[in-house]
Amino acid sequence: MKILIYGAGVIGCELAHMLCKKNDVTLLARGRWKDAIDKNGLVIRHYVQRKTTVDRLKTLDILEPGDRYDLIFVVMRASQLPNVLPVIAENASPHIVFVGNNMAAQETARLAMSGSPVRKEIAFGFQGTAGRRENGTVISIHAGVGMTVGGCAAPLSQAFQKKLNTAFAQTGCRLTWENQMDAWLKCHATCVLPMCYVCYITGGHLPKATHRLRKAILDADLEGYRVLQKLGFPILPAGDEKWFSGPKRPMMAAIFFVIYKTPIGRLSVSDHAMHAVEEMKYLDAGFEELRKKAGVPTTTWDSLRTDSGIEER
């Protein structure tokens, strides 16, 4: 299957590494990073697995309107999408998957189809990978890669699902199907933002996060979920809010303690928060619109947000 990965950050590179085992994969990259991949291959240090892989991939730096692929995975920061969407809309490929944070999935899908020369079907996905690029190498952290994927607010066509299943067959990546990715992505952003606020409060040094701050994250997440529920969005994955109150809360508190006190926190949370401030501000602005519309009290959330100074960054 002919596949383009549009974006060569950590997630895009990990996705290219998986899919190139069984597919004809091209990676869109630019500048010195493209040069490094062309010269040395795509080098990924899998942090948890303690191994390094090298893949030889085709690369390009511009997607032309007539370049046709069976699948295009757009793996860009949400704040970069406004510049990418016209390129995707003009392209002749019919099946597009936007991978990553997105607070406006319905609008993204509309713009990606606007004026397209072919009938497009749009999916959204989220991949459980984090890390950073360092000295020509991707440092990737994951515990078995998986992707939650599906339509914005309805199931994908059987043809699209079959194409995705075929692409990921025997790659080791687990697909979890979700028919309401717009709500799923809003829930994910709601869960992530309080952690990012604490990253900014601690200057990116998560071991400095006190017990009070870690408790505030749990309380703020619960407030955020109440905002979404007030607006009629389902909490996805189903029952996720139960991790922040009741019997499951101590387990989530223990998970946060491990994340914040070990290098896992730097690789999975603070590296991205500190280097992708524009994306975090995009998520923050999107949630602020929802919070104001809902009118639900969010005392702890507001306190963390103010202390983080995210609006001034």
Protein backbone atom coordinates (compact mmCIF):
# COMPACT_ATOMS: atom_id res chain seq x y z
CA MET A 1 0.00 0.00 0.00
CA LYS A 2 1.28 3.46 -0.93
CA ILE A 3 1.31 5.68 2.16
CA LEU A 4 2.49 9.22 2.89
CA ILE A 5 3.36 10.36 6.41
CA TYR A 6 2.97 14.14 6.26
CA GLY A 7 5.17 15.30 9.15
CA ALA A 8 8.42 13.97 10.56
CA GLY A 9 8.20 14.72 14.27
CA VAL A 10 8.46 11.99 16.87
CA ILE A 11 4.98 10.59 16.23
CA GLY A 12 5.28 10.76 12.45
CA CYS A 13 8.64 9.04 12.51
CA GLU A 14 7.42 6.25 14.80
CA LEU A 15 4.40 5.78 12.53
CA ALA A 16 6.65 5.62 9.46
CA HIS A 17 8.88 3.06 11.19
CA MET A 18 5.89 0.80 11.88
CA LEU A 19 4.17 1.11 8.53
CA CYS A 20 7.26 0.73 6.34
CA LYS A 21 7.56 -2.92 7.40
CA LYS A 22 4.66 -3.91 5.12
CA ASN A 23 3.93 -0.82 2.99
CA ASP A 24 5.48 1.58 0.50
CA VAL A 25 6.00 4.56 2.83
CA THR A 26 7.14 8.08 1.98
CA LEU A 27 7.93 10.58 4.74
CA LEU A 28 7.44 14.30 4.22
CA ALA A 29 10.28 16.10 6.01
CA ARG A 30 12.15 19.33 5.48
CA GLY A 31 15.51 21.02 5.95
CA ARG A 32 18.35 19.47 7.89
CA TRP A 33 16.09 16.77 9.32
CA LYS A 34 15.25 15.56 5.80
CA ASP A 35 18.94 15.65 4.91
CA ALA A 36 19.80 13.56 7.97
CA ILE A 37 17.17 10.93 7.11
CA ASP A 38 18.31 10.79 3.49
CA LYS A 39 21.94 10.35 4.57
CA ASN A 40 21.70 8.10 7.63
CA GLY A 41 18.21 6.64 7.44
CA LEU A 42 15.45 7.16 10.00
CA VAL A 43 17.21 6.41 13.29
CA ILE A 44 14.94 5.78 16.28
CA ARG A 45 16.09 4.99 19.80
CA HIS A 46 13.20 3.15 21.46
CA TYR A 47 13.73 4.27 25.04
CA VAL A 48 11.67 1.68 26.93
CA GLN A 49 12.60 -1.22 24.66
CA ARG A 50 16.32 -0.32 24.83
CA LYS A 51 16.91 -0.79 21.12
CA THR A 52 17.75 1.35 18.09
CA THR A 53 16.26 0.88 14.63
CA VAL A 54 17.31 2.32 11.26
CA ASP A 55 14.88 2.47 8.32
CA ARG A 56 15.65 3.60 4.79
CA LEU A 57 12.70 5.63 3.55
CA LYS A 58 11.78 7.74 0.57
CA THR A 59 11.35 11.39 1.53
CA LEU A 60 9.87 14.49 -0.07
CA ASP A 61 9.44 18.07 1.06
CA ILE A 62 6.42 19.16 -0.99
CA LEU A 63 3.10 17.39 -1.62
CA GLU A 64 1.89 18.19 -5.11
CA PRO A 65 -1.83 18.19 -6.00
CA GLY A 66 -1.40 15.23 -8.35
CA ASP A 67 0.55 13.03 -5.90
CA ARG A 68 -1.88 10.23 -5.12
CA TYR A 69 -1.54 7.91 -2.12
CA ASP A 70 -3.77 5.16 -0.76
CA LEU A 71 -3.51 6.78 2.67
CA ILE A 72 -2.11 10.07 3.93
CA PHE A 73 -1.43 10.46 7.64
CA VAL A 74 -1.13 14.14 8.56
CA VAL A 75 0.99 14.21 11.72
CA MET A 76 1.40 17.88 12.53
CA ARG A 77 0.89 20.05 15.58
CA ALA A 78 -2.62 21.45 15.70
CA SER A 79 -1.27 25.00 15.51
CA GLN A 80 0.36 24.13 12.15
CA LEU A 81 -2.77 22.73 10.52
CA PRO A 82 -4.05 26.03 9.05
CA ASN A 83 -1.03 26.04 6.71
CA VAL A 84 -1.39 22.35 5.85
CA LEU A 85 -5.12 22.05 5.21
CA PRO A 86 -5.13 23.84 1.80
CA VAL A 87 -2.39 21.48 0.59
CA ILE A 88 -4.39 18.44 1.70
CA ALA A 89 -7.59 19.80 0.18
CA GLU A 90 -5.90 20.28 -3.22
CA ASN A 91 -4.36 16.80 -3.23
CA ALA A 92 -5.92 13.90 -5.18
CA SER A 93 -5.65 11.29 -2.38
CA PRO A 94 -9.06 10.11 -1.10
CA HIS A 95 -8.35 8.86 2.44
CA ILE A 96 -6.79 11.19 5.01
CA VAL A 97 -6.05 10.57 8.70
CA PHE A 98 -5.21 13.52 10.95
CA VAL A 99 -3.13 12.25 13.84
CA GLY A 100 -2.66 14.26 17.02
CA ASN A 101 -4.32 16.87 19.22
CA ASN A 102 -7.29 18.67 17.70
CA MET A 103 -9.95 20.81 19.40
CA ALA A 104 -11.86 21.46 16.16
CA ALA A 105 -12.06 18.15 14.33
CA GLN A 106 -15.27 18.99 12.48
CA GLU A 107 -13.83 22.22 11.10
CA THR A 108 -10.60 20.44 10.16
CA ALA A 109 -12.54 17.82 8.20
CA ARG A 110 -14.58 20.49 6.43
CA LEU A 111 -11.51 22.44 5.33
CA ALA A 112 -9.65 19.29 4.26
CA MET A 113 -12.50 18.47 1.86
CA SER A 114 -13.18 22.01 0.67
CA GLY A 115 -12.62 22.30 -3.08
CA SER A 116 -11.01 18.86 -3.29
CA PRO A 117 -10.66 17.36 -6.79
CA VAL A 118 -11.78 13.97 -5.40
CA ARG A 119 -14.31 12.78 -2.86
CA LYS A 120 -12.40 12.59 0.42
CA GLU A 121 -13.11 10.70 3.61
CA ILE A 122 -11.48 12.06 6.74
CA ALA A 123 -10.46 10.17 9.88
CA PHE A 124 -8.83 11.30 13.10
CA GLY A 125 -6.35 9.36 15.17
CA PHE A 126 -4.25 9.61 18.27
CA GLN A 127 -1.06 7.62 18.73
CA GLY A 128 0.42 6.75 22.11
CA THR A 129 3.97 7.91 21.41
CA ALA A 130 6.08 10.66 22.95
CA GLY A 131 9.73 11.72 22.94
CA ARG A 132 12.05 14.14 21.20
CA ARG A 133 14.55 14.52 18.37
CA GLU A 134 18.18 14.70 19.38
CA ASN A 135 21.39 14.77 17.30
CA GLY A 136 19.85 13.14 14.24
CA THR A 137 18.01 10.51 16.27
CA VAL A 138 14.41 10.20 17.41
CA ILE A 139 14.13 9.31 21.09
CA SER A 140 10.77 7.54 21.21
CA ILE A 141 8.97 6.48 24.36
CA HIS A 142 6.06 4.06 24.20
CA ALA A 143 4.92 0.85 25.81
CA GLY A 144 3.63 -0.91 22.73
CA VAL A 145 2.37 1.50 20.10
CA GLY A 146 -1.35 1.81 19.49
CA MET A 147 -3.65 4.22 17.71
CA THR A 148 -7.20 5.26 18.52
CA VAL A 149 -8.80 6.09 15.18
CA GLY A 150 -12.19 6.73 13.64
CA GLY A 151 -14.59 9.25 12.22
CA CYS A 152 -15.20 12.71 13.60
CA ALA A 153 -18.74 11.98 14.77
CA ALA A 154 -19.74 8.80 12.90
CA PRO A 155 -18.20 5.46 11.88
CA LEU A 156 -15.82 5.35 8.95
CA SER A 157 -16.90 3.56 5.80
CA GLN A 158 -16.11 -0.14 5.60
CA ALA A 159 -13.73 0.58 2.71
CA PHE A 160 -11.73 3.06 4.82
CA GLN A 161 -11.62 0.71 7.81
CA LYS A 162 -10.48 -2.15 5.59
CA LYS A 163 -7.73 0.03 4.12
CA LEU A 164 -6.49 0.99 7.61
CA ASN A 165 -6.61 -2.62 8.82
CA THR A 166 -4.61 -3.71 5.79
CA ALA A 167 -2.01 -0.97 6.29
CA PHE A 168 -1.45 -1.87 9.96
CA ALA A 169 -1.61 -5.66 9.56
CA GLN A 170 1.47 -7.34 11.08
CA THR A 171 3.01 -4.01 12.13
CA GLY A 172 2.59 -4.52 15.87
CA CYS A 173 0.40 -1.42 16.17
CA ARG A 174 -3.00 -1.95 17.79
CA LEU A 175 -5.95 -0.07 16.29
CA THR A 176 -8.75 0.95 18.65
CA TRP A 177 -11.84 2.10 16.79
CA GLU A 178 -13.75 5.13 18.02
CA ASN A 179 -16.75 6.60 16.21
CA GLN A 180 -16.71 9.97 18.03
CA MET A 181 -13.16 11.20 17.69
CA ASP A 182 -14.17 14.85 18.07
CA ALA A 183 -15.37 14.12 21.62
CA TRP A 184 -12.45 11.75 22.28
CA LEU A 185 -9.91 14.42 21.32
CA LYS A 186 -11.63 17.05 23.47
CA CYS A 187 -11.49 14.63 26.42
CA HIS A 188 -7.81 13.96 25.79
CA ALA A 189 -6.98 17.67 25.69
CA THR A 190 -8.94 18.18 28.90
CA CYS A 191 -6.86 15.49 30.58
CA VAL A 192 -3.53 16.78 29.25
CA LEU A 193 -3.84 20.53 29.85
CA PRO A 194 -3.55 20.50 33.68
CA MET A 195 -0.32 18.49 33.37
CA CYS A 196 1.01 21.07 30.93
CA TYR A 197 0.07 23.89 33.31
CA VAL A 198 2.18 22.20 36.00
CA CYS A 199 5.05 21.87 33.51
CA TYR A 200 5.02 25.63 33.10
CA ILE A 201 4.65 26.25 36.84
CA THR A 202 7.75 24.12 37.51
CA GLY A 203 9.73 25.48 34.57
CA GLY A 204 9.71 22.05 32.94
CA HIS A 205 11.29 20.37 35.98
CA LEU A 206 8.52 17.96 36.89
CA PRO A 207 10.28 16.40 39.92
CA LYS A 208 9.63 19.78 41.58
CA ALA A 209 5.87 19.19 41.38
CA THR A 210 4.60 19.05 44.95
CA HIS A 211 1.92 16.76 46.32
CA ARG A 212 -0.42 19.75 46.24
CA LEU A 213 0.19 20.30 42.52
CA ARG A 214 -0.23 16.63 41.65
CA LYS A 215 -3.52 16.57 43.59
CA ALA A 216 -4.62 19.73 41.78
CA ILE A 217 -4.13 17.99 38.42
CA LEU A 218 -6.60 15.29 39.40
CA ASP A 219 -9.12 17.84 40.67
CA ALA A 220 -8.74 20.02 37.56
CA ASP A 221 -9.22 17.04 35.24
CA LEU A 222 -12.47 16.20 36.99
CA GLU A 223 -13.65 19.81 36.62
CA GLY A 224 -12.75 19.73 32.94
CA TYR A 225 -14.76 16.58 32.35
CA ARG A 226 -17.76 18.24 34.02
CA VAL A 227 -17.46 21.07 31.48
CA LEU A 228 -17.63 18.58 28.60
CA GLN A 229 -20.53 16.70 30.16
CA LYS A 230 -22.48 19.95 30.61
CA LEU A 231 -22.05 20.60 26.87
CA GLY A 232 -23.27 17.12 25.97
CA PHE A 233 -19.96 15.51 25.03
CA PRO A 234 -19.50 11.89 26.15
CA ILE A 235 -16.44 11.15 28.27
CA LEU A 236 -14.18 8.94 26.17
CA PRO A 237 -12.81 6.40 26.69
CA ALA A 238 -16.01 5.53 28.53
CA GLY A 239 -15.63 5.80 32.30
CA ASP A 240 -12.35 7.70 32.11
CA GLU A 241 -13.60 10.24 34.67
CA LYS A 242 -13.66 7.47 37.30
CA TRP A 243 -9.85 7.57 37.44
CA PHE A 244 -10.03 11.03 39.02
CA SER A 245 -12.52 10.28 41.79
CA GLY A 246 -13.62 7.30 43.83
CA PRO A 247 -11.69 4.04 44.29
CA LYS A 248 -9.51 4.47 41.19
CA ARG A 249 -8.16 7.89 42.16
CA PRO A 250 -5.28 6.60 44.37
CA MET A 251 -4.05 4.49 41.47
CA MET A 252 -4.04 7.50 39.14
CA ALA A 253 -2.26 9.55 41.81
CA ALA A 254 0.42 6.83 42.00
CA ILE A 255 0.80 6.85 38.21
CA PHE A 256 1.27 10.62 38.23
CA PHE A 257 3.86 10.30 40.99
CA VAL A 258 5.93 7.87 38.90
CA ILE A 259 5.59 10.01 35.77
CA TYR A 260 6.60 13.21 37.52
CA LYS A 261 9.50 11.79 39.51
CA THR A 262 11.21 9.82 36.69
CA PRO A 263 12.59 10.58 33.19
CA ILE A 264 9.30 9.27 31.79
CA GLY A 265 7.72 12.60 32.69
CA ARG A 266 10.33 14.56 30.78
CA LEU A 267 10.03 12.38 27.69
CA SER A 268 6.26 11.96 27.70
CA VAL A 269 5.08 15.31 29.07
CA SER A 270 7.47 18.18 29.69
CA ASP A 271 9.60 17.94 26.53
CA HIS A 272 6.51 18.39 24.40
CA ALA A 273 4.90 21.01 26.64
CA MET A 274 8.04 23.14 26.78
CA HIS A 275 8.85 22.89 23.05
CA ALA A 276 5.31 23.01 21.66
CA VAL A 277 4.00 26.06 23.50
CA GLU A 278 1.94 27.20 20.50
CA GLU A 279 0.13 23.87 20.40
CA MET A 280 -0.57 24.00 24.14
CA LYS A 281 -1.89 27.55 23.77
CA TYR A 282 -4.13 26.32 20.95
CA LEU A 283 -5.55 23.57 23.18
CA ASP A 284 -5.91 26.01 26.06
CA ALA A 285 -7.80 28.53 23.92
CA GLY A 286 -10.08 25.78 22.62
CA PHE A 287 -10.93 24.61 26.11
CA GLU A 288 -11.48 28.19 27.32
CA GLU A 289 -14.22 28.56 24.71
CA LEU A 290 -15.89 25.42 25.98
CA ARG A 291 -15.49 26.39 29.65
CA LYS A 292 -17.05 29.82 29.14
CA LYS A 293 -19.92 28.31 27.17
CA ALA A 294 -20.63 25.68 29.84
CA GLY A 295 -20.55 28.04 32.82
CA VAL A 296 -19.41 25.27 35.16
CA PRO A 297 -17.27 26.25 38.21
CA THR A 298 -13.62 25.28 37.60
CA THR A 299 -11.81 26.70 40.63
CA THR A 300 -8.78 24.40 40.62
CA TRP A 301 -8.44 24.50 36.84
CA ASP A 302 -8.51 28.31 36.87
CA SER A 303 -5.86 28.46 39.59
CA LEU A 304 -3.46 26.16 37.74
CA ARG A 305 -4.02 27.98 34.48
CA THR A 306 -3.35 31.39 36.02
CA ASP A 307 -0.21 30.20 37.82
CA SER A 308 1.10 28.64 34.59
CA GLY A 309 1.08 31.99 32.77
CA ILE A 310 0.17 30.22 29.56
CA GLU A 311 -1.44 33.28 27.98
CA GLU A 312 1.79 35.26 28.34
CA ARG A 313 4.07 32.61 26.85
